[in-house]
Full PDB file with SEQRES, HELIX, SHEET, SSBOND, CRYST1, ORIGX, SCALE, CONECT and MASTER records, all heavy atoms in Angstrom:
SEQRES   1 A   43  PRO THR THR ILE GLY ALA LEU LEU SER ALA ILE GLY ILE          
SEQRES   2 A   43  ALA GLY MET ASP ARG LEU ILE ARG PHE ASN VAL LEU ALA          
SEQRES   3 A   43  MET SER GLY ARG ALA VAL GLU ALA ALA GLY ASP VAL ASP          
SEQRES   4 A   43  THR LEU LEU LEU                                              
HELIX    1 AA1 THR A    2  ILE A   20  1                                  19    
HELIX    2 AA2 GLY A   29  GLY A   36  1                                   8    
CRYST1    1.000    1.000    1.000  90.00  90.00  90.00 P 1           1          
ORIGX1      1.000000  0.000000  0.000000        0.00000                         
ORIGX2      0.000000  1.000000  0.000000        0.00000                         
ORIGX3      0.000000  0.000000  1.000000        0.00000                         
SCALE1      1.000000  0.000000  0.000000        0.00000                         
SCALE2      0.000000  1.000000  0.000000        0.00000                         
SCALE3      0.000000  0.000000  1.000000        0.00000                         
ATOM      1  N   PRO A   1      10.455  18.671  -2.073  1.00  0.00           N  
ATOM      2  CA  PRO A   1       9.278  17.632  -1.796  1.00  0.00           C  
ATOM      3  C   PRO A   1       8.022  18.038  -2.451  1.00  0.00           C  
ATOM      4  O   PRO A   1       7.080  18.285  -1.824  1.00  0.00           O  
ATOM      5  CB  PRO A   1       9.301  17.349  -0.332  1.00  0.00           C  
ATOM      6  CG  PRO A   1       9.712  18.878   0.214  1.00  0.00           C  
ATOM      7  CD  PRO A   1      10.799  19.255  -0.778  1.00  0.00           C  
ATOM      8  N   THR A   2       7.946  18.116  -3.856  1.00  0.00           N  
ATOM      9  CA  THR A   2       6.804  18.621  -4.435  1.00  0.00           C  
ATOM     10  C   THR A   2       5.623  17.563  -4.468  1.00  0.00           C  
ATOM     11  O   THR A   2       4.531  17.859  -4.446  1.00  0.00           O  
ATOM     12  CB  THR A   2       7.109  18.823  -5.951  1.00  0.00           C  
ATOM     13  OG1 THR A   2       7.881  17.788  -6.425  1.00  0.00           O  
ATOM     14  CG2 THR A   2       7.852  20.054  -6.060  1.00  0.00           C  
ATOM     15  N   THR A   3       5.935  16.222  -4.289  1.00  0.00           N  
ATOM     16  CA  THR A   3       4.962  15.191  -4.266  1.00  0.00           C  
ATOM     17  C   THR A   3       4.152  15.335  -3.112  1.00  0.00           C  
ATOM     18  O   THR A   3       2.768  15.515  -3.231  1.00  0.00           O  
ATOM     19  CB  THR A   3       5.598  13.849  -4.268  1.00  0.00           C  
ATOM     20  OG1 THR A   3       6.468  13.742  -5.433  1.00  0.00           O  
ATOM     21  CG2 THR A   3       4.510  12.795  -4.458  1.00  0.00           C  
ATOM     22  N   ILE A   4       4.664  15.379  -1.895  1.00  0.00           N  
ATOM     23  CA  ILE A   4       3.927  15.439  -0.761  1.00  0.00           C  
ATOM     24  C   ILE A   4       3.264  16.960  -0.596  1.00  0.00           C  
ATOM     25  O   ILE A   4       2.175  17.174  -0.006  1.00  0.00           O  
ATOM     26  CB  ILE A   4       4.692  15.065   0.551  1.00  0.00           C  
ATOM     27  CG1 ILE A   4       3.764  15.084   1.811  1.00  0.00           C  
ATOM     28  CG2 ILE A   4       5.806  16.028   0.771  1.00  0.00           C  
ATOM     29  CD1 ILE A   4       2.549  14.136   1.706  1.00  0.00           C  
ATOM     30  N   GLY A   5       4.073  17.932  -0.921  1.00  0.00           N  
ATOM     31  CA  GLY A   5       3.654  19.336  -0.896  1.00  0.00           C  
ATOM     32  C   GLY A   5       2.375  19.537  -1.805  1.00  0.00           C  
ATOM     33  O   GLY A   5       1.393  20.195  -1.405  1.00  0.00           O  
ATOM     34  N   ALA A   6       2.218  18.726  -2.906  1.00  0.00           N  
ATOM     35  CA  ALA A   6       1.150  18.884  -3.817  1.00  0.00           C  
ATOM     36  C   ALA A   6      -0.134  18.102  -3.239  1.00  0.00           C  
ATOM     37  O   ALA A   6      -1.240  18.432  -3.478  1.00  0.00           O  
ATOM     38  CB  ALA A   6       1.353  18.235  -5.099  1.00  0.00           C  
ATOM     39  N   LEU A   7       0.170  17.039  -2.624  1.00  0.00           N  
ATOM     40  CA  LEU A   7      -1.014  16.212  -2.135  1.00  0.00           C  
ATOM     41  C   LEU A   7      -1.370  16.488  -0.679  1.00  0.00           C  
ATOM     42  O   LEU A   7      -2.313  15.897  -0.136  1.00  0.00           O  
ATOM     43  CB  LEU A   7      -0.631  14.765  -2.233  1.00  0.00           C  
ATOM     44  CG  LEU A   7      -0.252  14.213  -3.631  1.00  0.00           C  
ATOM     45  CD1 LEU A   7       0.192  12.842  -3.665  1.00  0.00           C  
ATOM     46  CD2 LEU A   7      -1.489  14.383  -4.588  1.00  0.00           C  
ATOM     47  N   LEU A   8      -0.486  17.192   0.129  1.00  0.00           N  
ATOM     48  CA  LEU A   8      -0.901  17.358   1.612  1.00  0.00           C  
ATOM     49  C   LEU A   8      -2.269  17.867   1.868  1.00  0.00           C  
ATOM     50  O   LEU A   8      -2.981  17.317   2.796  1.00  0.00           O  
ATOM     51  CB  LEU A   8       0.127  18.294   2.258  1.00  0.00           C  
ATOM     52  CG  LEU A   8       0.161  18.465   3.692  1.00  0.00           C  
ATOM     53  CD1 LEU A   8       0.295  17.164   4.439  1.00  0.00           C  
ATOM     54  CD2 LEU A   8       1.234  19.374   4.206  1.00  0.00           C  
ATOM     55  N   SER A   9      -2.720  18.922   1.248  1.00  0.00           N  
ATOM     56  CA  SER A   9      -3.985  19.489   1.422  1.00  0.00           C  
ATOM     57  C   SER A   9      -5.182  18.523   1.124  1.00  0.00           C  
ATOM     58  O   SER A   9      -6.088  18.317   1.947  1.00  0.00           O  
ATOM     59  CB  SER A   9      -4.156  20.773   0.777  1.00  0.00           C  
ATOM     60  OG  SER A   9      -5.561  21.321   0.925  1.00  0.00           O  
ATOM     61  N   ALA A  10      -4.884  17.770  -0.046  1.00  0.00           N  
ATOM     62  CA  ALA A  10      -5.964  16.862  -0.532  1.00  0.00           C  
ATOM     63  C   ALA A  10      -6.039  15.615   0.587  1.00  0.00           C  
ATOM     64  O   ALA A  10      -7.241  15.176   0.822  1.00  0.00           O  
ATOM     65  CB  ALA A  10      -5.605  16.300  -1.846  1.00  0.00           C  
ATOM     66  N   ILE A  11      -5.028  15.263   1.182  1.00  0.00           N  
ATOM     67  CA  ILE A  11      -5.055  14.128   2.135  1.00  0.00           C  
ATOM     68  C   ILE A  11      -5.868  14.567   3.315  1.00  0.00           C  
ATOM     69  O   ILE A  11      -6.774  13.822   3.765  1.00  0.00           O  
ATOM     70  CB  ILE A  11      -3.720  13.784   2.568  1.00  0.00           C  
ATOM     71  CG1 ILE A  11      -2.819  13.133   1.374  1.00  0.00           C  
ATOM     72  CG2 ILE A  11      -3.695  12.842   3.704  1.00  0.00           C  
ATOM     73  CD1 ILE A  11      -1.322  12.939   1.680  1.00  0.00           C  
ATOM     74  N   GLY A  12      -5.811  15.715   3.773  1.00  0.00           N  
ATOM     75  CA  GLY A  12      -6.525  16.221   4.933  1.00  0.00           C  
ATOM     76  C   GLY A  12      -8.048  16.380   4.604  1.00  0.00           C  
ATOM     77  O   GLY A  12      -8.928  16.045   5.444  1.00  0.00           O  
ATOM     78  N   ILE A  13      -8.261  17.019   3.411  1.00  0.00           N  
ATOM     79  CA  ILE A  13      -9.674  17.136   3.139  1.00  0.00           C  
ATOM     80  C   ILE A  13     -10.354  15.747   2.944  1.00  0.00           C  
ATOM     81  O   ILE A  13     -11.448  15.668   3.310  1.00  0.00           O  
ATOM     82  CB  ILE A  13      -9.855  18.134   1.879  1.00  0.00           C  
ATOM     83  CG1 ILE A  13      -9.298  19.482   2.200  1.00  0.00           C  
ATOM     84  CG2 ILE A  13     -11.227  18.069   1.283  1.00  0.00           C  
ATOM     85  CD1 ILE A  13      -9.168  20.283   0.854  1.00  0.00           C  
ATOM     86  N   ALA A  14      -9.638  14.937   2.266  1.00  0.00           N  
ATOM     87  CA  ALA A  14     -10.354  13.599   1.931  1.00  0.00           C  
ATOM     88  C   ALA A  14     -10.530  12.776   3.185  1.00  0.00           C  
ATOM     89  O   ALA A  14     -11.467  11.990   3.319  1.00  0.00           O  
ATOM     90  CB  ALA A  14      -9.285  12.742   1.075  1.00  0.00           C  
ATOM     91  N   GLY A  15      -9.608  13.016   4.170  1.00  0.00           N  
ATOM     92  CA  GLY A  15      -9.919  12.332   5.578  1.00  0.00           C  
ATOM     93  C   GLY A  15     -11.167  12.804   6.154  1.00  0.00           C  
ATOM     94  O   GLY A  15     -12.003  11.862   6.548  1.00  0.00           O  
ATOM     95  N   MET A  16     -11.571  14.039   6.064  1.00  0.00           N  
ATOM     96  CA  MET A  16     -12.950  14.507   6.573  1.00  0.00           C  
ATOM     97  C   MET A  16     -13.906  13.888   5.604  1.00  0.00           C  
ATOM     98  O   MET A  16     -15.055  13.510   6.154  1.00  0.00           O  
ATOM     99  CB  MET A  16     -12.910  15.923   6.608  1.00  0.00           C  
ATOM    100  CG  MET A  16     -12.187  16.589   7.773  1.00  0.00           C  
ATOM    101  SD  MET A  16     -12.212  18.495   7.818  1.00  0.00           S  
ATOM    102  CE  MET A  16     -13.880  18.645   8.341  1.00  0.00           C  
ATOM    103  N   ASP A  17     -13.809  13.919   4.396  1.00  0.00           N  
ATOM    104  CA  ASP A  17     -14.693  13.431   3.375  1.00  0.00           C  
ATOM    105  C   ASP A  17     -15.045  11.915   3.651  1.00  0.00           C  
ATOM    106  O   ASP A  17     -16.100  11.421   3.529  1.00  0.00           O  
ATOM    107  CB  ASP A  17     -14.192  13.700   1.924  1.00  0.00           C  
ATOM    108  CG  ASP A  17     -15.183  13.285   1.027  1.00  0.00           C  
ATOM    109  OD1 ASP A  17     -16.294  14.088   0.927  1.00  0.00           O  
ATOM    110  OD2 ASP A  17     -15.097  12.372   0.253  1.00  0.00           O  
ATOM    111  N   ARG A  18     -13.969  11.202   4.013  1.00  0.00           N  
ATOM    112  CA  ARG A  18     -14.196   9.764   4.357  1.00  0.00           C  
ATOM    113  C   ARG A  18     -15.140   9.548   5.478  1.00  0.00           C  
ATOM    114  O   ARG A  18     -15.950   8.643   5.421  1.00  0.00           O  
ATOM    115  CB  ARG A  18     -12.846   9.076   4.570  1.00  0.00           C  
ATOM    116  CG  ARG A  18     -12.138   8.556   3.294  1.00  0.00           C  
ATOM    117  CD  ARG A  18     -11.077   7.466   3.671  1.00  0.00           C  
ATOM    118  NE  ARG A  18     -10.098   8.163   4.302  1.00  0.00           N  
ATOM    119  CZ  ARG A  18      -9.047   8.848   3.854  1.00  0.00           C  
ATOM    120  NH1 ARG A  18      -8.937   8.968   2.529  1.00  0.00           N  
ATOM    121  NH2 ARG A  18      -8.069   9.347   4.605  1.00  0.00           N  
ATOM    122  N   LEU A  19     -15.098  10.431   6.533  1.00  0.00           N  
ATOM    123  CA  LEU A  19     -15.865  10.325   7.661  1.00  0.00           C  
ATOM    124  C   LEU A  19     -17.527  10.710   7.142  1.00  0.00           C  
ATOM    125  O   LEU A  19     -18.300  10.064   7.569  1.00  0.00           O  
ATOM    126  CB  LEU A  19     -15.571  11.290   8.733  1.00  0.00           C  
ATOM    127  CG  LEU A  19     -14.526  10.755   9.707  1.00  0.00           C  
ATOM    128  CD1 LEU A  19     -14.102  11.925  10.641  1.00  0.00           C  
ATOM    129  CD2 LEU A  19     -14.928   9.635  10.481  1.00  0.00           C  
ATOM    130  N   ILE A  20     -17.484  11.692   6.404  1.00  0.00           N  
ATOM    131  CA  ILE A  20     -18.881  12.152   5.880  1.00  0.00           C  
ATOM    132  C   ILE A  20     -19.515  10.974   5.024  1.00  0.00           C  
ATOM    133  O   ILE A  20     -20.711  10.711   5.226  1.00  0.00           O  
ATOM    134  CB  ILE A  20     -18.664  13.395   5.043  1.00  0.00           C  
ATOM    135  CG1 ILE A  20     -18.318  14.683   5.761  1.00  0.00           C  
ATOM    136  CG2 ILE A  20     -20.015  13.617   4.219  1.00  0.00           C  
ATOM    137  CD1 ILE A  20     -18.032  15.855   4.907  1.00  0.00           C  
ATOM    138  N   ARG A  21     -18.643  10.323   4.204  1.00  0.00           N  
ATOM    139  CA  ARG A  21     -19.245   9.213   3.444  1.00  0.00           C  
ATOM    140  C   ARG A  21     -19.499   7.953   4.392  1.00  0.00           C  
ATOM    141  O   ARG A  21     -20.141   7.043   3.937  1.00  0.00           O  
ATOM    142  CB  ARG A  21     -18.286   8.788   2.512  1.00  0.00           C  
ATOM    143  CG  ARG A  21     -18.137   9.794   1.276  1.00  0.00           C  
ATOM    144  CD  ARG A  21     -16.945   9.697   0.289  1.00  0.00           C  
ATOM    145  NE  ARG A  21     -16.997  10.778  -0.663  1.00  0.00           N  
ATOM    146  CZ  ARG A  21     -17.617  10.794  -1.832  1.00  0.00           C  
ATOM    147  NH1 ARG A  21     -18.284   9.690  -2.164  1.00  0.00           N  
ATOM    148  NH2 ARG A  21     -17.558  11.770  -2.594  1.00  0.00           N  
ATOM    149  N   PHE A  22     -18.990   8.014   5.656  1.00  0.00           N  
ATOM    150  CA  PHE A  22     -19.361   7.015   6.660  1.00  0.00           C  
ATOM    151  C   PHE A  22     -20.362   7.549   7.564  1.00  0.00           C  
ATOM    152  O   PHE A  22     -20.654   6.931   8.620  1.00  0.00           O  
ATOM    153  CB  PHE A  22     -18.033   6.668   7.394  1.00  0.00           C  
ATOM    154  CG  PHE A  22     -18.002   5.302   7.967  1.00  0.00           C  
ATOM    155  CD1 PHE A  22     -17.826   4.316   7.170  1.00  0.00           C  
ATOM    156  CD2 PHE A  22     -18.194   5.060   9.287  1.00  0.00           C  
ATOM    157  CE1 PHE A  22     -17.856   2.881   7.624  1.00  0.00           C  
ATOM    158  CE2 PHE A  22     -18.097   3.864   9.758  1.00  0.00           C  
ATOM    159  CZ  PHE A  22     -17.984   2.837   9.015  1.00  0.00           C  
ATOM    160  N   ASN A  23     -21.104   8.515   7.125  1.00  0.00           N  
ATOM    161  CA  ASN A  23     -22.201   9.158   7.837  1.00  0.00           C  
ATOM    162  C   ASN A  23     -21.874   9.852   9.184  1.00  0.00           C  
ATOM    163  O   ASN A  23     -22.548   9.807  10.042  1.00  0.00           O  
ATOM    164  CB  ASN A  23     -23.346   8.107   8.041  1.00  0.00           C  
ATOM    165  CG  ASN A  23     -23.868   7.558   6.715  1.00  0.00           C  
ATOM    166  OD1 ASN A  23     -23.688   7.989   5.637  1.00  0.00           O  
ATOM    167  ND2 ASN A  23     -24.651   6.584   6.856  1.00  0.00           N  
ATOM    168  N   VAL A  24     -20.679  10.375   9.165  1.00  0.00           N  
ATOM    169  CA  VAL A  24     -20.157  11.071  10.409  1.00  0.00           C  
ATOM    170  C   VAL A  24     -19.640  12.431   9.886  1.00  0.00           C  
ATOM    171  O   VAL A  24     -18.860  12.492   8.962  1.00  0.00           O  
ATOM    172  CB  VAL A  24     -18.880  10.304  11.143  1.00  0.00           C  
ATOM    173  CG1 VAL A  24     -18.473  11.231  12.210  1.00  0.00           C  
ATOM    174  CG2 VAL A  24     -19.324   9.051  11.533  1.00  0.00           C  
ATOM    175  N   LEU A  25     -20.227  13.510  10.584  1.00  0.00           N  
ATOM    176  CA  LEU A  25     -19.792  14.758  10.223  1.00  0.00           C  
ATOM    177  C   LEU A  25     -18.826  15.319  11.259  1.00  0.00           C  
ATOM    178  O   LEU A  25     -19.067  15.466  12.363  1.00  0.00           O  
ATOM    179  CB  LEU A  25     -20.967  15.757  10.154  1.00  0.00           C  
ATOM    180  CG  LEU A  25     -22.061  15.447   9.194  1.00  0.00           C  
ATOM    181  CD1 LEU A  25     -23.302  16.413   9.303  1.00  0.00           C  
ATOM    182  CD2 LEU A  25     -21.537  15.432   7.758  1.00  0.00           C  
ATOM    183  N   ALA A  26     -17.580  15.688  10.765  1.00  0.00           N  
ATOM    184  CA  ALA A  26     -16.577  16.238  11.610  1.00  0.00           C  
ATOM    185  C   ALA A  26     -16.622  17.622  11.700  1.00  0.00           C  
ATOM    186  O   ALA A  26     -16.732  18.333  10.620  1.00  0.00           O  
ATOM    187  CB  ALA A  26     -15.214  15.610  11.266  1.00  0.00           C  
ATOM    188  N   MET A  27     -16.568  18.367  12.843  1.00  0.00           N  
ATOM    189  CA  MET A  27     -16.579  19.710  12.959  1.00  0.00           C  
ATOM    190  C   MET A  27     -15.241  20.361  12.595  1.00  0.00           C  
ATOM    191  O   MET A  27     -15.210  21.546  12.291  1.00  0.00           O  
ATOM    192  CB  MET A  27     -16.935  20.108  14.348  1.00  0.00           C  
ATOM    193  CG  MET A  27     -18.126  19.595  14.971  1.00  0.00           C  
ATOM    194  SD  MET A  27     -19.667  19.950  13.926  1.00  0.00           S  
ATOM    195  CE  MET A  27     -20.922  19.059  14.943  1.00  0.00           C  
ATOM    196  N   SER A  28     -14.183  19.545  12.559  1.00  0.00           N  
ATOM    197  CA  SER A  28     -12.830  20.164  12.339  1.00  0.00           C  
ATOM    198  C   SER A  28     -11.985  18.948  11.895  1.00  0.00           C  
ATOM    199  O   SER A  28     -12.188  17.702  12.119  1.00  0.00           O  
ATOM    200  CB  SER A  28     -12.313  20.958  13.447  1.00  0.00           C  
ATOM    201  OG  SER A  28     -12.017  19.990  14.502  1.00  0.00           O  
ATOM    202  N   GLY A  29     -10.966  19.337  11.066  1.00  0.00           N  
ATOM    203  CA  GLY A  29      -9.862  18.377  10.747  1.00  0.00           C  
ATOM    204  C   GLY A  29      -9.181  17.913  11.919  1.00  0.00           C  
ATOM    205  O   GLY A  29      -8.642  16.808  11.984  1.00  0.00           O  
ATOM    206  N   ARG A  30      -9.065  18.793  13.019  1.00  0.00           N  
ATOM    207  CA  ARG A  30      -8.468  18.418  14.179  1.00  0.00           C  
ATOM    208  C   ARG A  30      -8.856  17.239  14.929  1.00  0.00           C  
ATOM    209  O   ARG A  30      -8.290  16.269  15.444  1.00  0.00           O  
ATOM    210  CB  ARG A  30      -8.262  19.650  15.211  1.00  0.00           C  
ATOM    211  CG  ARG A  30      -7.522  19.346  16.485  1.00  0.00           C  
ATOM    212  CD  ARG A  30      -7.770  20.462  17.498  1.00  0.00           C  
ATOM    213  NE  ARG A  30      -7.316  21.845  16.938  1.00  0.00           N  
ATOM    214  CZ  ARG A  30      -6.114  22.259  17.245  1.00  0.00           C  
ATOM    215  NH1 ARG A  30      -5.296  21.560  17.997  1.00  0.00           N  
ATOM    216  NH2 ARG A  30      -5.709  23.382  16.631  1.00  0.00           N  
ATOM    217  N   ALA A  31     -10.326  17.121  14.790  1.00  0.00           N  
ATOM    218  CA  ALA A  31     -11.008  15.956  15.461  1.00  0.00           C  
ATOM    219  C   ALA A  31     -10.604  14.670  14.768  1.00  0.00           C  
ATOM    220  O   ALA A  31     -10.488  13.625  15.263  1.00  0.00           O  
ATOM    221  CB  ALA A  31     -12.521  16.199  15.409  1.00  0.00           C  
ATOM    222  N   VAL A  32     -10.620  14.652  13.297  1.00  0.00           N  
ATOM    223  CA  VAL A  32     -10.327  13.609  12.602  1.00  0.00           C  
ATOM    224  C   VAL A  32      -8.840  13.080  12.846  1.00  0.00           C  
ATOM    225  O   VAL A  32      -8.560  11.876  13.040  1.00  0.00           O  
ATOM    226  CB  VAL A  32     -10.421  13.869  11.158  1.00  0.00           C  
ATOM    227  CG1 VAL A  32     -10.116  12.563  10.177  1.00  0.00           C  
ATOM    228  CG2 VAL A  32     -11.773  14.382  10.737  1.00  0.00           C  
ATOM    229  N   GLU A  33      -7.972  13.949  12.965  1.00  0.00           N  
ATOM    230  CA  GLU A  33      -6.533  13.623  13.253  1.00  0.00           C  
ATOM    231  C   GLU A  33      -6.354  13.191  14.659  1.00  0.00           C  
ATOM    232  O   GLU A  33      -5.687  12.161  14.898  1.00  0.00           O  
ATOM    233  CB  GLU A  33      -5.710  14.912  12.999  1.00  0.00           C  
ATOM    234  CG  GLU A  33      -4.177  14.602  13.072  1.00  0.00           C  
ATOM    235  CD  GLU A  33      -3.370  15.942  12.731  1.00  0.00           C  
ATOM    236  OE1 GLU A  33      -3.268  16.168  11.564  1.00  0.00           O  
ATOM    237  OE2 GLU A  33      -3.048  16.636  13.649  1.00  0.00           O  
ATOM    238  N   ALA A  34      -7.160  13.771  15.640  1.00  0.00           N  
ATOM    239  CA  ALA A  34      -6.983  13.251  16.944  1.00  0.00           C  
ATOM    240  C   ALA A  34      -7.542  11.888  17.157  1.00  0.00           C  
ATOM    241  O   ALA A  34      -7.012  11.018  17.867  1.00  0.00           O  
ATOM    242  CB  ALA A  34      -7.869  14.173  17.817  1.00  0.00           C  
ATOM    243  N   ALA A  35      -8.503  11.494  16.342  1.00  0.00           N  
ATOM    244  CA  ALA A  35      -8.955  10.128  16.314  1.00  0.00           C  
ATOM    245  C   ALA A  35      -7.985   9.148  15.971  1.00  0.00           C  
ATOM    246  O   ALA A  35      -8.008   7.972  16.540  1.00  0.00           O  
ATOM    247  CB  ALA A  35     -10.274   9.981  15.332  1.00  0.00           C  
ATOM    248  N   GLY A  36      -7.138   9.494  15.146  1.00  0.00           N  
ATOM    249  CA  GLY A  36      -6.005   8.517  14.716  1.00  0.00           C  
ATOM    250  C   GLY A  36      -4.942   8.375  15.900  1.00  0.00           C  
ATOM    251  O   GLY A  36      -4.123   7.341  15.752  1.00  0.00           O  
ATOM    252  N   ASP A  37      -4.933   9.372  16.789  1.00  0.00           N  
ATOM    253  CA  ASP A  37      -3.944   9.179  17.947  1.00  0.00           C  
ATOM    254  C   ASP A  37      -4.520   8.828  19.134  1.00  0.00           C  
ATOM    255  O   ASP A  37      -3.920   8.862  20.306  1.00  0.00           O  
ATOM    256  CB  ASP A  37      -3.206  10.547  18.061  1.00  0.00           C  
ATOM    257  CG  ASP A  37      -2.244  10.882  16.998  1.00  0.00           C  
ATOM    258  OD1 ASP A  37      -1.616   9.695  16.567  1.00  0.00           O  
ATOM    259  OD2 ASP A  37      -1.921  11.949  16.713  1.00  0.00           O  
ATOM    260  N   VAL A  38      -5.746   8.338  19.174  1.00  0.00           N  
ATOM    261  CA  VAL A  38      -6.495   7.961  20.408  1.00  0.00           C  
ATOM    262  C   VAL A  38      -5.874   6.860  21.096  1.00  0.00           C  
ATOM    263  O   VAL A  38      -5.425   5.881  20.546  1.00  0.00           O  
ATOM    264  CB  VAL A  38      -7.978   7.665  19.964  1.00  0.00           C  
ATOM    265  CG1 VAL A  38      -8.645   6.790  21.207  1.00  0.00           C  
ATOM    266  CG2 VAL A  38      -8.733   8.906  19.840  1.00  0.00           C  
ATOM    267  N   ASP A  39      -5.761   6.992  22.515  1.00  0.00           N  
ATOM    268  CA  ASP A  39      -5.218   5.882  23.304  1.00  0.00           C  
ATOM    269  C   ASP A  39      -6.233   5.274  24.098  1.00  0.00           C  
ATOM    270  O   ASP A  39      -5.982   4.058  24.405  1.00  0.00           O  
ATOM    271  CB  ASP A  39      -4.125   6.551  24.286  1.00  0.00           C  
ATOM    272  CG  ASP A  39      -2.996   7.294  23.611  1.00  0.00           C  
ATOM    273  OD1 ASP A  39      -2.217   6.643  22.977  1.00  0.00           O  
ATOM    274  OD2 ASP A  39      -2.861   8.529  23.647  1.00  0.00           O  
ATOM    275  N   THR A  40      -7.307   5.936  24.506  1.00  0.00           N  
ATOM    276  CA  THR A  40      -8.318   5.405  25.431  1.00  0.00           C  
ATOM    277  C   THR A  40      -9.645   5.587  24.719  1.00  0.00           C  
ATOM    278  O   THR A  40      -9.923   6.709  24.198  1.00  0.00           O  
ATOM    279  CB  THR A  40      -8.214   6.051  26.727  1.00  0.00           C  
ATOM    280  OG1 THR A  40      -6.973   5.947  27.305  1.00  0.00           O  
ATOM    281  CG2 THR A  40      -9.325   5.413  27.663  1.00  0.00           C  
ATOM    282  N   LEU A  41     -10.597   4.614  24.681  1.00  0.00           N  
ATOM    283  CA  LEU A  41     -11.763   4.728  23.992  1.00  0.00           C  
ATOM    284  C   LEU A  41     -12.822   4.351  25.098  1.00  0.00           C  
ATOM    285  O   LEU A  41     -12.837   3.305  25.742  1.00  0.00           O  
ATOM    286  CB  LEU A  41     -11.873   3.607  22.969  1.00  0.00           C  
ATOM    287  CG  LEU A  41     -13.029   3.809  21.867  1.00  0.00           C  
ATOM    288  CD1 LEU A  41     -13.073   4.915  21.206  1.00  0.00           C  
ATOM    289  CD2 LEU A  41     -12.913   2.460  20.982  1.00  0.00           C  
ATOM    290  N   LEU A  42     -13.733   5.292  25.401  1.00  0.00           N  
ATOM    291  CA  LEU A  42     -14.839   5.065  26.348  1.00  0.00           C  
ATOM    292  C   LEU A  42     -16.170   4.717  25.617  1.00  0.00           C  
ATOM    293  O   LEU A  42     -16.469   5.306  24.600  1.00  0.00           O  
ATOM    294  CB  LEU A  42     -15.061   6.339  27.161  1.00  0.00           C  
ATOM    295  CG  LEU A  42     -13.911   6.999  27.898  1.00  0.00           C  
ATOM    296  CD1 LEU A  42     -14.354   8.188  28.753  1.00  0.00           C  
ATOM    297  CD2 LEU A  42     -13.210   5.930  28.746  1.00  0.00           C  
ATOM    298  N   LEU A  43     -16.715   3.667  26.040  1.00  0.00           N  
ATOM    299  CA  LEU A  43     -18.022   3.076  25.287  1.00  0.00           C  
ATOM    300  C   LEU A  43     -19.142   2.866  26.375  1.00  0.00           C  
ATOM    301  O   LEU A  43     -18.826   2.178  27.377  1.00  0.00           O  
ATOM    302  CB  LEU A  43     -17.663   1.893  24.522  1.00  0.00           C  
ATOM    303  CG  LEU A  43     -16.596   1.951  23.454  1.00  0.00           C  
ATOM    304  CD1 LEU A  43     -15.461   1.326  23.856  1.00  0.00           C  
ATOM    305  CD2 LEU A  43     -17.151   1.399  22.119  1.00  0.00           C  
TER     306      LEU A  43                                                      
MASTER        0    0    0    2    0    0    0    6  305    1    0    4          
END                                                                             
């Protein structure tokens, strides 16, 4: 699986970068990934 192997790191870095371009600074990639699995949102 060279295709996903080649792009895997770029996908993770780009995820954090999209947040930065949305004016949000993520302290870790774990936080970005956890946001995608959120079940409960407190506002």
